[in-house]
N, C-alpha and C. Protein backbone atom coordinates (compact mmCIF):
# COMPACT_ATOMS: atom_id res chain seq x y z
N UNK A 1 70.35 56.78 153.81
CA UNK A 1 70.35 56.14 152.43
C UNK A 1 70.99 57.20 151.45
N UNK A 2 70.66 58.59 151.48
CA UNK A 2 71.18 59.63 150.70
C UNK A 2 72.61 59.70 151.04
N UNK A 3 73.10 59.73 152.32
CA UNK A 3 74.44 59.93 152.53
C UNK A 3 75.27 58.79 152.18
N UNK A 4 74.76 57.45 152.26
CA UNK A 4 75.58 56.38 151.70
C UNK A 4 75.71 56.51 150.16
N UNK A 5 74.82 56.96 149.36
CA UNK A 5 74.85 57.03 148.08
C UNK A 5 75.91 58.08 147.62
N UNK A 6 75.93 59.22 148.41
CA UNK A 6 76.86 60.32 148.29
C UNK A 6 78.28 59.86 148.63
N UNK A 7 78.29 59.03 149.61
CA UNK A 7 79.66 58.59 150.23
C UNK A 7 80.28 57.66 148.95
N UNK A 8 79.40 56.76 148.38
CA UNK A 8 79.72 55.84 147.28
C UNK A 8 80.18 56.74 146.00
N UNK A 9 79.36 57.71 145.73
CA UNK A 9 79.82 58.58 144.50
C UNK A 9 81.13 59.24 144.81
N UNK A 10 81.31 59.86 146.05
CA UNK A 10 82.51 60.60 146.41
C UNK A 10 83.73 59.43 146.17
N UNK A 11 83.62 58.36 146.71
CA UNK A 11 84.77 57.42 146.64
C UNK A 11 85.04 56.96 145.31
N UNK A 12 83.87 56.87 144.48
CA UNK A 12 84.09 56.50 143.02
C UNK A 12 84.95 57.62 142.31
N UNK A 13 84.60 58.99 142.57
CA UNK A 13 85.37 60.05 142.00
C UNK A 13 86.68 60.10 142.51
N UNK A 14 86.96 59.82 143.58
CA UNK A 14 88.32 59.83 144.29
C UNK A 14 89.21 58.75 143.64
N UNK A 15 88.66 57.53 143.50
CA UNK A 15 89.43 56.47 142.96
C UNK A 15 89.51 56.68 141.51
N UNK A 16 88.66 57.26 140.78
CA UNK A 16 88.72 57.47 139.39
C UNK A 16 89.88 58.58 139.05
N UNK A 17 89.94 59.50 140.05
CA UNK A 17 90.81 60.64 140.01
C UNK A 17 92.35 60.03 140.11
N UNK A 18 92.51 59.19 141.10
CA UNK A 18 93.73 58.51 141.49
C UNK A 18 94.13 57.75 140.27
N UNK A 19 93.23 56.93 139.61
CA UNK A 19 93.69 56.04 138.60
C UNK A 19 94.16 56.99 137.41
N UNK A 20 93.58 58.06 137.14
CA UNK A 20 93.87 59.01 136.08
C UNK A 20 95.28 59.59 136.35
N UNK A 21 95.48 60.03 137.62
CA UNK A 21 96.72 60.59 137.99
C UNK A 21 97.92 59.60 137.76
N UNK A 22 97.74 58.32 138.09
CA UNK A 22 98.61 57.18 137.95
C UNK A 22 98.90 57.05 136.36
N UNK A 23 98.00 56.82 135.58
CA UNK A 23 98.12 56.47 134.23
C UNK A 23 98.32 57.59 133.25
N UNK A 24 97.83 58.77 133.71
CA UNK A 24 98.09 60.03 132.71
C UNK A 24 99.43 60.24 132.29
N UNK A 25 99.55 60.58 131.12
CA UNK A 25 101.02 61.01 130.73
C UNK A 25 100.57 62.30 130.01
N UNK A 26 101.22 63.39 130.16
CA UNK A 26 100.80 64.66 129.54
C UNK A 26 101.37 64.57 128.07
N UNK A 27 100.66 65.21 127.17
CA UNK A 27 101.09 65.35 125.83
C UNK A 27 102.76 65.82 125.68
N UNK A 28 103.39 65.25 124.86
CA UNK A 28 104.88 65.68 124.91
C UNK A 28 104.93 67.20 124.31
N UNK A 29 105.96 67.87 124.78
CA UNK A 29 106.35 69.10 124.20
C UNK A 29 107.60 68.90 123.54
N UNK A 30 108.05 69.90 122.80
CA UNK A 30 109.19 69.83 121.72
C UNK A 30 110.23 70.74 122.20
N UNK A 31 111.50 70.25 122.40
CA UNK A 31 112.68 71.08 122.52
C UNK A 31 113.44 71.04 121.17
N UNK A 32 113.50 72.10 120.55
CA UNK A 32 114.21 72.08 119.23
C UNK A 32 115.61 72.69 119.48
N UNK A 33 116.58 71.85 119.39
CA UNK A 33 117.90 72.24 119.67
C UNK A 33 118.92 71.45 118.85
N UNK A 34 120.12 72.34 118.59
CA UNK A 34 121.23 71.60 118.11
C UNK A 34 122.42 72.36 118.49
N UNK A 35 123.54 71.73 118.56
CA UNK A 35 124.90 72.40 119.03
C UNK A 35 125.06 73.52 118.18
N UNK A 36 125.36 74.71 118.74
CA UNK A 36 125.57 75.95 118.06
C UNK A 36 124.30 76.77 117.91
N UNK A 37 123.15 76.36 118.16
CA UNK A 37 121.83 77.01 118.02
C UNK A 37 121.84 78.10 119.17
N UNK A 38 121.21 79.29 118.85
CA UNK A 38 121.25 80.11 119.86
C UNK A 38 120.04 79.99 120.95
N UNK A 39 120.21 80.50 121.98
CA UNK A 39 119.27 80.39 123.18
C UNK A 39 117.76 80.99 122.61
N UNK A 40 118.01 82.10 121.98
CA UNK A 40 116.76 82.77 121.59
C UNK A 40 116.17 81.87 120.46
N UNK A 41 116.73 81.28 119.66
CA UNK A 41 116.18 80.48 118.65
C UNK A 41 115.45 79.11 119.20
N UNK A 42 116.26 78.75 120.23
CA UNK A 42 115.61 77.46 120.88
C UNK A 42 114.37 77.79 121.62
N UNK A 43 114.23 78.88 122.28
CA UNK A 43 113.02 79.35 122.77
C UNK A 43 112.04 79.54 121.78
N UNK A 44 112.26 80.18 120.69
CA UNK A 44 111.30 80.53 119.58
C UNK A 44 110.76 79.30 118.99
N UNK A 45 111.58 78.28 118.69
CA UNK A 45 111.31 77.12 117.98
C UNK A 45 110.72 76.00 118.83
N UNK A 46 110.70 75.96 120.07
CA UNK A 46 110.23 74.99 120.90
C UNK A 46 108.90 75.22 121.46
N UNK A 47 108.11 74.13 121.79
CA UNK A 47 106.85 74.28 122.63
C UNK A 47 107.13 73.93 123.95
N UNK A 48 108.30 73.46 124.50
CA UNK A 48 108.68 73.25 125.72
C UNK A 48 108.87 74.82 126.33
N UNK A 49 108.64 74.98 127.55
CA UNK A 49 108.73 76.33 128.17
C UNK A 49 110.35 76.65 128.45
N UNK A 50 111.04 76.84 127.44
CA UNK A 50 112.42 77.01 127.79
C UNK A 50 112.73 78.28 128.67
N UNK A 51 112.08 79.35 128.50
CA UNK A 51 112.40 80.64 129.20
C UNK A 51 112.17 80.29 130.81
N UNK A 52 111.12 79.67 131.03
CA UNK A 52 110.75 79.33 132.27
C UNK A 52 111.52 78.23 133.06
N UNK A 53 112.31 77.49 132.13
CA UNK A 53 112.96 76.29 132.79
C UNK A 53 114.45 76.47 132.58
N UNK A 54 114.93 77.64 132.46
CA UNK A 54 116.44 77.91 132.21
C UNK A 54 116.97 78.71 133.25
N UNK A 55 118.27 78.70 133.38
CA UNK A 55 119.01 79.59 134.43
C UNK A 55 120.31 79.98 133.91
N UNK A 56 121.02 80.74 134.74
CA UNK A 56 122.39 81.24 134.18
C UNK A 56 122.26 82.56 133.70
N UNK A 57 123.27 82.98 133.05
CA UNK A 57 123.33 84.38 132.42
C UNK A 57 123.85 84.23 130.97
N UNK A 58 123.25 85.03 130.11
CA UNK A 58 123.58 84.99 128.74
C UNK A 58 124.91 85.48 128.43
N UNK A 59 125.49 86.30 129.32
CA UNK A 59 126.84 86.89 129.15
C UNK A 59 127.97 85.80 129.64
N UNK A 60 127.44 84.61 130.06
CA UNK A 60 128.38 83.60 130.47
C UNK A 60 127.81 82.23 130.04
N UNK A 61 127.49 81.33 131.19
CA UNK A 61 126.84 80.04 130.88
C UNK A 61 125.50 80.17 131.30
N UNK A 62 124.59 79.35 130.54
CA UNK A 62 123.25 79.20 130.73
C UNK A 62 122.89 77.73 130.53
N UNK A 63 121.74 77.26 131.08
CA UNK A 63 121.25 75.90 130.99
C UNK A 63 119.80 75.80 130.94
N UNK A 64 119.22 74.73 130.26
CA UNK A 64 117.68 74.59 130.16
C UNK A 64 117.65 73.12 130.78
N UNK A 65 116.61 72.92 131.78
CA UNK A 65 116.52 71.74 132.44
C UNK A 65 115.24 70.99 131.95
N UNK A 66 115.20 69.74 131.85
CA UNK A 66 114.10 68.93 131.86
C UNK A 66 114.15 67.99 133.00
N UNK A 67 113.10 67.95 133.61
CA UNK A 67 113.02 67.15 134.84
C UNK A 67 111.84 66.39 135.14
N UNK A 68 110.75 66.45 134.03
CA UNK A 68 109.46 65.91 134.19
C UNK A 68 108.92 65.37 132.76
N UNK A 69 108.29 64.38 132.63
CA UNK A 69 107.71 63.80 131.34
C UNK A 69 106.67 64.80 130.80
N UNK A 70 106.64 64.72 129.49
CA UNK A 70 107.56 64.21 128.76
C UNK A 70 107.79 65.13 127.55
N UNK A 71 109.06 65.12 127.31
CA UNK A 71 109.71 66.06 126.22
C UNK A 71 110.43 65.31 125.08
N UNK A 72 110.14 65.81 123.98
CA UNK A 72 110.77 65.18 122.67
C UNK A 72 111.97 66.27 122.23
N UNK A 73 113.07 65.81 122.27
CA UNK A 73 114.23 66.48 121.85
C UNK A 73 114.40 66.29 120.22
N UNK A 74 114.14 67.44 119.59
CA UNK A 74 114.48 67.32 118.14
C UNK A 74 115.87 68.02 117.80
N UNK A 75 116.77 67.19 117.40
CA UNK A 75 118.03 67.85 116.96
C UNK A 75 117.96 68.49 115.57
N UNK A 76 117.90 69.73 115.54
CA UNK A 76 117.30 70.51 114.35
C UNK A 76 118.12 70.91 113.27
N UNK A 77 119.30 70.15 113.25
CA UNK A 77 120.10 70.36 112.14
C UNK A 77 119.51 69.81 110.79
N UNK A 78 119.24 70.53 109.71
CA UNK A 78 118.58 70.01 108.55
C UNK A 78 119.18 68.92 107.86
N UNK A 79 120.39 68.66 108.11
CA UNK A 79 121.10 67.51 107.36
C UNK A 79 121.26 66.37 108.24
N UNK A 80 121.84 66.65 109.48
CA UNK A 80 122.17 65.56 110.46
C UNK A 80 121.19 65.38 111.66
N UNK A 81 120.16 65.89 111.42
CA UNK A 81 119.18 65.97 112.58
C UNK A 81 118.41 64.63 112.81
N UNK A 82 117.79 64.55 114.08
CA UNK A 82 117.06 63.40 114.32
C UNK A 82 116.11 63.75 115.48
N UNK A 83 115.11 62.87 115.76
CA UNK A 83 114.29 63.01 116.77
C UNK A 83 114.26 62.05 117.67
N UNK A 84 114.49 62.39 119.04
CA UNK A 84 114.55 61.34 120.21
C UNK A 84 113.29 60.94 120.78
N UNK A 85 113.03 59.80 121.38
CA UNK A 85 111.90 59.49 121.99
C UNK A 85 111.62 60.44 123.25
N UNK A 86 110.50 60.40 123.79
CA UNK A 86 110.10 61.27 124.94
C UNK A 86 110.82 60.88 126.02
N UNK A 87 111.37 62.01 126.91
CA UNK A 87 112.20 61.76 127.96
C UNK A 87 111.72 62.55 129.19
N UNK A 88 112.20 62.30 130.25
CA UNK A 88 111.98 62.76 131.65
C UNK A 88 113.17 63.60 132.12
N UNK A 89 114.21 63.37 131.35
CA UNK A 89 115.58 64.15 131.76
C UNK A 89 116.31 64.58 130.60
N UNK A 90 116.81 65.74 130.81
CA UNK A 90 117.76 66.39 129.77
C UNK A 90 118.30 67.53 130.44
N UNK A 91 119.45 67.99 129.92
CA UNK A 91 120.07 69.26 130.18
C UNK A 91 120.71 69.77 128.94
N UNK A 92 120.41 71.11 128.59
CA UNK A 92 121.09 71.82 127.54
C UNK A 92 121.88 72.81 127.97
N UNK A 93 123.21 72.92 127.77
CA UNK A 93 124.15 74.14 128.33
C UNK A 93 124.46 74.98 127.24
N UNK A 94 124.63 76.33 127.44
CA UNK A 94 124.88 77.22 126.43
C UNK A 94 126.11 78.09 127.09
N UNK A 95 127.00 78.52 126.09
CA UNK A 95 127.98 79.37 126.48
C UNK A 95 127.91 80.60 125.60
N UNK A 96 127.82 81.74 126.18
CA UNK A 96 127.77 83.07 125.43
C UNK A 96 126.66 82.98 124.31
N UNK A 97 125.55 82.33 124.93
CA UNK A 97 124.13 82.36 124.09
C UNK A 97 123.99 81.27 123.12
N UNK A 98 125.00 80.44 122.99
CA UNK A 98 124.93 79.38 122.02
C UNK A 98 124.99 78.05 122.71
N UNK A 99 124.31 77.01 122.06
CA UNK A 99 124.35 75.66 122.75
C UNK A 99 125.79 75.02 122.68
N UNK A 100 126.37 74.55 123.75
CA UNK A 100 127.49 73.78 123.68
C UNK A 100 127.35 72.33 123.90
N UNK A 101 126.31 71.95 124.75
CA UNK A 101 126.15 70.41 124.95
C UNK A 101 124.74 70.20 125.16
N UNK A 102 124.35 68.98 124.83
CA UNK A 102 122.94 68.35 125.09
C UNK A 102 123.15 67.09 125.65
N UNK A 103 122.48 66.80 126.76
CA UNK A 103 122.69 65.47 127.43
C UNK A 103 121.43 64.99 127.72
N UNK A 104 121.08 63.55 127.54
CA UNK A 104 119.82 63.30 127.93
C UNK A 104 119.79 61.70 127.99
N UNK A 105 118.71 61.16 128.58
CA UNK A 105 118.43 59.77 128.73
C UNK A 105 117.01 59.70 127.96
N UNK A 106 116.94 59.38 126.65
CA UNK A 106 115.83 59.60 125.93
C UNK A 106 114.82 58.49 126.04
N UNK A 107 114.31 58.32 127.34
CA UNK A 107 113.31 57.21 127.58
C UNK A 107 112.62 57.89 128.76
N UNK A 108 111.38 57.50 128.90
CA UNK A 108 110.43 57.88 130.13
C UNK A 108 110.89 57.16 131.39
N UNK A 109 111.49 55.87 131.22
CA UNK A 109 111.83 55.16 132.40
C UNK A 109 112.71 54.03 131.98
N UNK A 110 113.61 53.54 132.88
CA UNK A 110 114.37 52.31 132.54
C UNK A 110 113.58 51.20 132.03
N UNK A 111 114.07 50.46 131.15
CA UNK A 111 113.27 49.23 130.56
C UNK A 111 114.15 48.02 130.46
N UNK A 112 113.41 46.93 130.46
CA UNK A 112 114.12 45.67 130.26
C UNK A 112 114.92 45.60 129.07
N UNK A 113 115.94 44.71 129.05
CA UNK A 113 116.91 44.66 128.04
C UNK A 113 116.34 44.65 126.66
N UNK A 114 115.57 43.82 126.36
CA UNK A 114 114.97 43.59 124.92
C UNK A 114 114.31 44.85 124.53
N UNK A 115 113.50 45.49 125.34
CA UNK A 115 112.93 46.83 125.01
C UNK A 115 113.79 47.96 124.75
N UNK A 116 114.84 48.03 125.70
CA UNK A 116 115.80 48.98 125.52
C UNK A 116 116.71 48.91 124.25
N UNK A 117 117.08 47.76 123.86
CA UNK A 117 117.87 47.52 122.79
C UNK A 117 116.97 47.88 121.45
N UNK A 118 115.65 47.65 121.44
CA UNK A 118 114.82 48.13 120.44
C UNK A 118 114.83 49.65 120.16
N UNK A 119 114.86 50.43 121.46
CA UNK A 119 115.01 51.86 121.27
C UNK A 119 116.41 52.19 120.80
N UNK A 120 117.42 51.35 121.18
CA UNK A 120 118.80 51.64 120.75
C UNK A 120 118.87 51.47 119.36
N UNK A 121 118.32 50.33 118.67
CA UNK A 121 118.26 50.12 117.23
C UNK A 121 117.66 51.28 116.39
N UNK A 122 116.46 51.78 117.03
CA UNK A 122 115.74 52.85 116.29
C UNK A 122 116.73 54.17 116.16
N UNK A 123 117.28 54.31 117.30
CA UNK A 123 118.14 55.43 117.33
C UNK A 123 119.35 55.34 116.55
N UNK A 124 120.01 54.27 116.42
CA UNK A 124 121.17 53.98 115.56
C UNK A 124 120.82 54.19 114.12
N UNK A 125 119.59 53.72 113.77
CA UNK A 125 118.98 53.84 112.23
C UNK A 125 119.13 55.33 111.92
N UNK A 126 118.46 56.13 112.92
CA UNK A 126 118.47 57.63 112.68
C UNK A 126 119.86 58.34 112.47
N UNK A 127 120.74 57.91 113.41
CA UNK A 127 122.06 58.44 113.42
C UNK A 127 122.80 58.00 112.02
N UNK A 128 122.63 56.94 111.56
CA UNK A 128 123.30 56.49 110.43
C UNK A 128 122.74 57.19 109.23
N UNK A 129 121.38 57.29 109.18
CA UNK A 129 120.72 58.05 108.11
C UNK A 129 121.08 59.43 108.09
N UNK A 130 121.59 60.08 109.31
CA UNK A 130 121.87 61.56 109.23
C UNK A 130 123.21 61.70 109.17
N UNK A 131 124.07 60.66 108.70
CA UNK A 131 125.44 60.97 108.28
C UNK A 131 126.36 60.92 109.40
N UNK A 132 125.99 60.49 110.65
CA UNK A 132 126.87 60.42 111.86
C UNK A 132 127.88 59.10 111.51
N UNK A 133 129.07 59.12 112.04
CA UNK A 133 130.01 58.10 111.81
C UNK A 133 130.65 57.73 113.21
N UNK A 134 131.10 56.48 113.43
CA UNK A 134 131.77 55.96 114.64
C UNK A 134 133.12 56.87 114.50
N UNK A 135 133.57 57.27 115.68
CA UNK A 135 134.84 58.02 115.78
C UNK A 135 136.09 57.13 115.90
N UNK A 136 136.74 57.24 114.78
CA UNK A 136 137.97 56.18 114.59
C UNK A 136 138.97 56.33 115.75
N UNK A 137 139.16 57.64 116.19
CA UNK A 137 140.19 57.82 117.23
C UNK A 137 139.96 57.06 118.69
N UNK A 138 138.70 56.66 118.81
CA UNK A 138 138.31 55.72 120.04
C UNK A 138 138.00 54.38 119.64
N UNK A 139 138.30 53.91 118.34
CA UNK A 139 137.96 52.67 117.94
C UNK A 139 136.39 52.20 118.07
N UNK A 140 135.70 53.27 117.96
CA UNK A 140 134.27 53.02 118.14
C UNK A 140 133.75 52.33 116.83
N UNK A 141 132.46 51.78 117.00
CA UNK A 141 131.82 51.12 115.86
C UNK A 141 130.39 51.02 116.20
N UNK A 142 129.61 50.80 115.21
CA UNK A 142 128.04 50.77 115.38
C UNK A 142 127.83 49.62 116.31
N UNK A 143 126.71 49.62 117.06
CA UNK A 143 126.38 48.48 117.90
C UNK A 143 125.98 47.32 116.84
N UNK A 144 126.55 46.22 117.11
CA UNK A 144 125.96 44.92 116.44
C UNK A 144 124.71 44.50 117.00
N UNK A 145 123.76 44.64 116.28
CA UNK A 145 122.36 44.30 116.90
C UNK A 145 121.71 42.99 116.17
N UNK A 146 122.55 42.26 115.68
CA UNK A 146 122.23 40.90 115.26
C UNK A 146 121.87 40.02 116.50
N UNK A 147 121.17 38.94 116.35
CA UNK A 147 121.03 38.19 117.56
C UNK A 147 122.18 37.81 118.40
N UNK A 148 123.28 37.59 117.70
CA UNK A 148 124.55 37.10 118.44
C UNK A 148 125.18 38.41 119.02
N UNK A 149 124.99 39.52 118.32
CA UNK A 149 125.45 40.87 118.87
C UNK A 149 124.66 41.20 120.05
N UNK A 150 123.34 41.07 120.02
CA UNK A 150 122.45 41.31 121.27
C UNK A 150 122.91 40.52 122.43
N UNK A 151 123.16 39.22 122.10
CA UNK A 151 123.62 38.27 123.13
C UNK A 151 124.96 38.74 123.76
N UNK A 152 125.89 39.23 122.98
CA UNK A 152 127.05 39.54 123.46
C UNK A 152 126.94 40.96 124.24
N UNK A 153 126.14 41.82 123.72
CA UNK A 153 125.82 43.10 124.55
C UNK A 153 125.29 42.84 125.88
N UNK A 154 124.26 41.86 125.91
CA UNK A 154 123.72 41.64 127.28
C UNK A 154 124.86 41.08 128.20
N UNK A 155 125.70 40.22 127.75
CA UNK A 155 126.71 39.69 128.47
C UNK A 155 127.53 40.77 129.13
N UNK A 156 127.93 41.85 128.17
CA UNK A 156 128.77 42.90 128.61
C UNK A 156 128.09 43.81 129.64
N UNK A 157 126.94 43.76 129.56
CA UNK A 157 126.20 44.56 130.85
C UNK A 157 126.46 44.06 132.16
N UNK A 158 126.75 42.74 132.10
CA UNK A 158 127.19 42.17 133.60
C UNK A 158 128.51 42.09 133.96
N UNK A 159 129.41 42.79 133.20
CA UNK A 159 130.78 42.99 133.53
C UNK A 159 131.03 44.29 134.06
N UNK A 160 132.13 44.51 134.84
CA UNK A 160 132.38 45.81 135.41
C UNK A 160 132.40 46.90 134.49
N UNK A 161 131.67 48.12 134.91
CA UNK A 161 131.44 49.06 133.88
C UNK A 161 129.95 49.22 133.81
N UNK A 162 129.26 47.96 133.60
CA UNK A 162 127.85 47.88 133.55
C UNK A 162 127.42 48.75 132.32
N UNK A 163 128.13 48.89 131.36
CA UNK A 163 127.60 49.89 130.11
C UNK A 163 128.57 49.49 129.04
N UNK A 164 128.04 49.80 127.80
CA UNK A 164 128.70 49.85 126.52
C UNK A 164 128.32 50.97 125.55
N UNK A 165 129.42 51.71 125.13
CA UNK A 165 129.02 52.92 124.62
C UNK A 165 129.92 53.14 123.30
N UNK A 166 129.46 53.94 122.48
CA UNK A 166 130.07 54.32 121.22
C UNK A 166 130.25 55.73 121.14
N UNK A 167 131.18 56.34 120.44
CA UNK A 167 131.44 57.76 120.14
C UNK A 167 131.19 57.87 118.64
N UNK A 168 130.39 58.91 118.43
CA UNK A 168 130.06 59.14 116.92
C UNK A 168 130.38 60.56 116.74
N UNK A 169 130.55 60.90 115.38
CA UNK A 169 130.89 62.35 115.05
C UNK A 169 130.34 62.52 113.61
N UNK A 170 129.96 63.81 113.38
CA UNK A 170 129.79 64.39 112.10
C UNK A 170 131.06 65.04 111.85
N UNK A 171 132.11 64.73 111.07
CA UNK A 171 133.17 65.25 110.97
C UNK A 171 133.18 66.87 110.94
N UNK A 172 134.04 67.53 111.72
CA UNK A 172 134.08 68.96 111.52
C UNK A 172 133.05 69.74 112.07
N UNK A 173 132.01 69.02 112.65
CA UNK A 173 130.76 69.65 113.19
C UNK A 173 130.43 69.18 114.63
N UNK A 174 129.90 67.92 114.74
CA UNK A 174 129.39 67.46 115.95
C UNK A 174 129.94 66.28 116.44
N UNK A 175 129.91 66.01 117.70
CA UNK A 175 130.48 64.84 118.47
C UNK A 175 129.25 64.16 119.35
N UNK A 176 129.17 62.91 119.52
CA UNK A 176 128.21 62.36 120.39
C UNK A 176 128.69 61.09 121.13
N UNK A 177 128.22 60.97 122.45
CA UNK A 177 128.29 59.69 123.12
C UNK A 177 127.15 58.98 123.10
N UNK A 178 126.98 57.73 122.69
CA UNK A 178 125.77 56.89 122.48
C UNK A 178 125.91 55.62 123.36
N UNK A 179 125.23 55.57 124.49
CA UNK A 179 125.67 54.46 125.46
C UNK A 179 124.28 53.82 125.93
N UNK A 180 124.51 52.44 126.11
CA UNK A 180 123.53 51.71 126.82
C UNK A 180 124.16 51.24 128.30
N UNK A 181 123.34 51.46 129.29
CA UNK A 181 123.82 51.11 130.64
C UNK A 181 122.80 50.49 131.45
N UNK A 182 123.23 49.56 132.28
CA UNK A 182 122.45 48.87 133.21
C UNK A 182 122.31 49.64 134.59
N UNK A 183 120.93 49.89 134.92
CA UNK A 183 120.72 50.61 136.11
C UNK A 183 120.26 49.86 137.37
N UNK A 184 119.97 48.50 137.05
CA UNK A 184 119.44 47.60 138.10
C UNK A 184 119.54 46.21 137.63
N UNK A 185 119.89 45.45 138.56
CA UNK A 185 119.96 43.92 138.32
C UNK A 185 121.14 43.38 137.65
N UNK A 186 122.32 44.23 137.41
CA UNK A 186 123.32 43.72 136.86
C UNK A 186 124.50 43.86 137.76
N UNK A 187 124.64 44.64 138.76
CA UNK A 187 125.73 44.85 139.71
C UNK A 187 125.18 44.77 141.22
N UNK A 188 125.33 45.74 141.85
CA UNK A 188 124.88 45.84 143.25
C UNK A 188 123.48 46.24 143.48
N UNK A 189 122.99 46.78 142.40
CA UNK A 189 121.54 47.34 142.61
C UNK A 189 120.59 46.18 142.46
N UNK A 190 119.67 45.99 143.47
CA UNK A 190 118.74 44.78 143.40
C UNK A 190 117.65 44.98 142.56
N UNK A 191 116.91 43.95 142.21
CA UNK A 191 115.78 44.19 141.46
C UNK A 191 115.82 43.55 140.00
N UNK A 192 114.88 43.64 139.27
CA UNK A 192 114.80 42.98 137.92
C UNK A 192 115.77 43.95 137.03
N UNK A 193 116.33 43.31 135.90
CA UNK A 193 117.19 44.10 135.15
C UNK A 193 116.49 45.35 134.63
N UNK A 194 117.09 46.44 134.51
CA UNK A 194 116.64 47.65 133.93
C UNK A 194 117.81 48.47 133.30
N UNK A 195 117.42 48.99 132.06
CA UNK A 195 118.62 49.77 131.18
C UNK A 195 118.00 51.09 130.82
N UNK A 196 119.04 51.95 130.58
CA UNK A 196 118.70 53.24 130.14
C UNK A 196 119.67 53.41 128.97
N UNK A 197 119.30 54.47 128.06
CA UNK A 197 120.27 54.84 127.02
C UNK A 197 120.78 56.28 127.23
N UNK A 198 122.02 56.59 127.06
CA UNK A 198 122.43 57.94 127.11
C UNK A 198 122.81 58.59 125.84
N UNK A 199 122.57 59.68 125.65
CA UNK A 199 122.96 60.45 124.52
C UNK A 199 123.51 61.74 124.82
N UNK A 200 124.68 62.07 124.59
CA UNK A 200 125.47 63.37 124.85
C UNK A 200 126.16 63.95 123.73
N UNK A 201 125.77 65.16 123.45
CA UNK A 201 126.14 65.89 122.08
C UNK A 201 127.00 67.11 122.42
N UNK A 202 127.86 67.30 121.60
CA UNK A 202 128.75 68.49 121.92
C UNK A 202 129.44 68.88 120.29
N UNK A 203 130.48 69.70 120.41
CA UNK A 203 131.11 70.06 119.30
C UNK A 203 132.02 69.07 118.90
N UNK A 204 132.50 69.12 117.48
CA UNK A 204 133.34 68.09 117.02
C UNK A 204 134.87 68.27 117.54
N UNK A 205 135.08 69.46 118.00
CA UNK A 205 136.43 69.66 118.47
C UNK A 205 136.58 69.25 119.91
N UNK A 206 135.56 68.59 120.55
CA UNK A 206 135.63 68.14 121.84
C UNK A 206 135.62 66.65 121.90
N UNK A 207 136.32 65.95 122.72
CA UNK A 207 136.17 64.51 122.86
C UNK A 207 134.93 64.24 123.46
N UNK A 208 134.12 63.31 122.82
CA UNK A 208 132.69 62.90 123.18
C UNK A 208 132.65 62.60 124.55
N UNK A 209 133.67 61.94 125.14
CA UNK A 209 133.48 61.26 126.59
C UNK A 209 133.58 62.39 127.51
N UNK A 210 133.98 63.56 127.22
CA UNK A 210 134.17 64.66 128.03
C UNK A 210 132.71 65.33 128.51
N UNK A 211 131.68 65.17 127.82
CA UNK A 211 130.59 65.94 128.16
C UNK A 211 129.31 65.01 128.11
N UNK A 212 129.28 63.66 128.09
CA UNK A 212 128.02 63.17 128.26
C UNK A 212 128.03 62.17 129.50
N UNK A 213 126.65 62.02 129.88
CA UNK A 213 125.71 63.01 130.21
C UNK A 213 126.19 63.83 131.40
N UNK A 214 125.73 65.05 131.45
CA UNK A 214 125.99 65.92 132.63
C UNK A 214 124.88 66.42 133.48
N UNK A 215 125.04 67.10 134.39
CA UNK A 215 123.86 67.62 135.39
C UNK A 215 124.23 69.23 135.41
N UNK A 216 123.14 69.92 135.72
CA UNK A 216 123.25 71.25 136.03
C UNK A 216 123.07 71.24 137.52
N UNK A 217 123.41 72.44 138.15
CA UNK A 217 123.23 72.62 139.70
C UNK A 217 121.75 72.08 140.12
N UNK A 218 120.78 72.45 139.41
CA UNK A 218 119.47 72.10 139.56
C UNK A 218 119.00 70.73 139.68
N UNK A 219 119.98 69.84 138.93
CA UNK A 219 119.67 68.46 138.76
C UNK A 219 120.66 67.60 139.46
N UNK A 220 121.67 68.17 140.14
CA UNK A 220 122.74 67.40 140.86
C UNK A 220 122.20 66.34 141.70
N UNK A 221 121.14 66.69 142.40
CA UNK A 221 120.63 65.81 143.57
C UNK A 221 119.55 64.81 142.93
N UNK A 222 119.33 64.89 141.60
CA UNK A 222 118.29 63.97 141.19
C UNK A 222 118.74 62.83 140.26
N UNK A 223 120.02 62.80 140.10
CA UNK A 223 120.60 61.74 139.27
C UNK A 223 121.24 60.55 140.05
């Protein structure tokens, strides 16, 4: 009798632990970064363990990896800054001790179209408020998020390329690739439709499409 009660209690604890592991999401940490910020200041201003999750050489190229949930990237420019939703993936690259690029999918997982577009809309509002502008050299424009614009965007996700992106700039300072892409259900990948947003940031003197999103050697096999 005692053994049976003990067994039941043990099983309850195991099941409870498994459920906790499945549903638990750790409290987000903050990565405070903007293009041009020094590695030392990123490490000082962030709660994310930058020193432990970085590689390379300060005399040449360095990188900081994010490969687990959940991390909030705060673009820390006082005028043009914004805060991205929690992510499980990002890479920050540095050249000679200063940030050159930031690449991320600012979502914890791929989402259905309507949910992904709501995230897209919130990000677009932040970028507009921060003084970002569509890059006229690429004929970019803000996403049309009216009901008709969303319908056309959804249709575009089912055409070759499976993505729609805009290139944004803060003239003379920063450039960005801002993209919605279909990761399942639109091309040859089976399953229900799922979408990710990509944000890639670099210097204004770079073409935005040249740096977004990238991988470091540590992440090359994970994307």
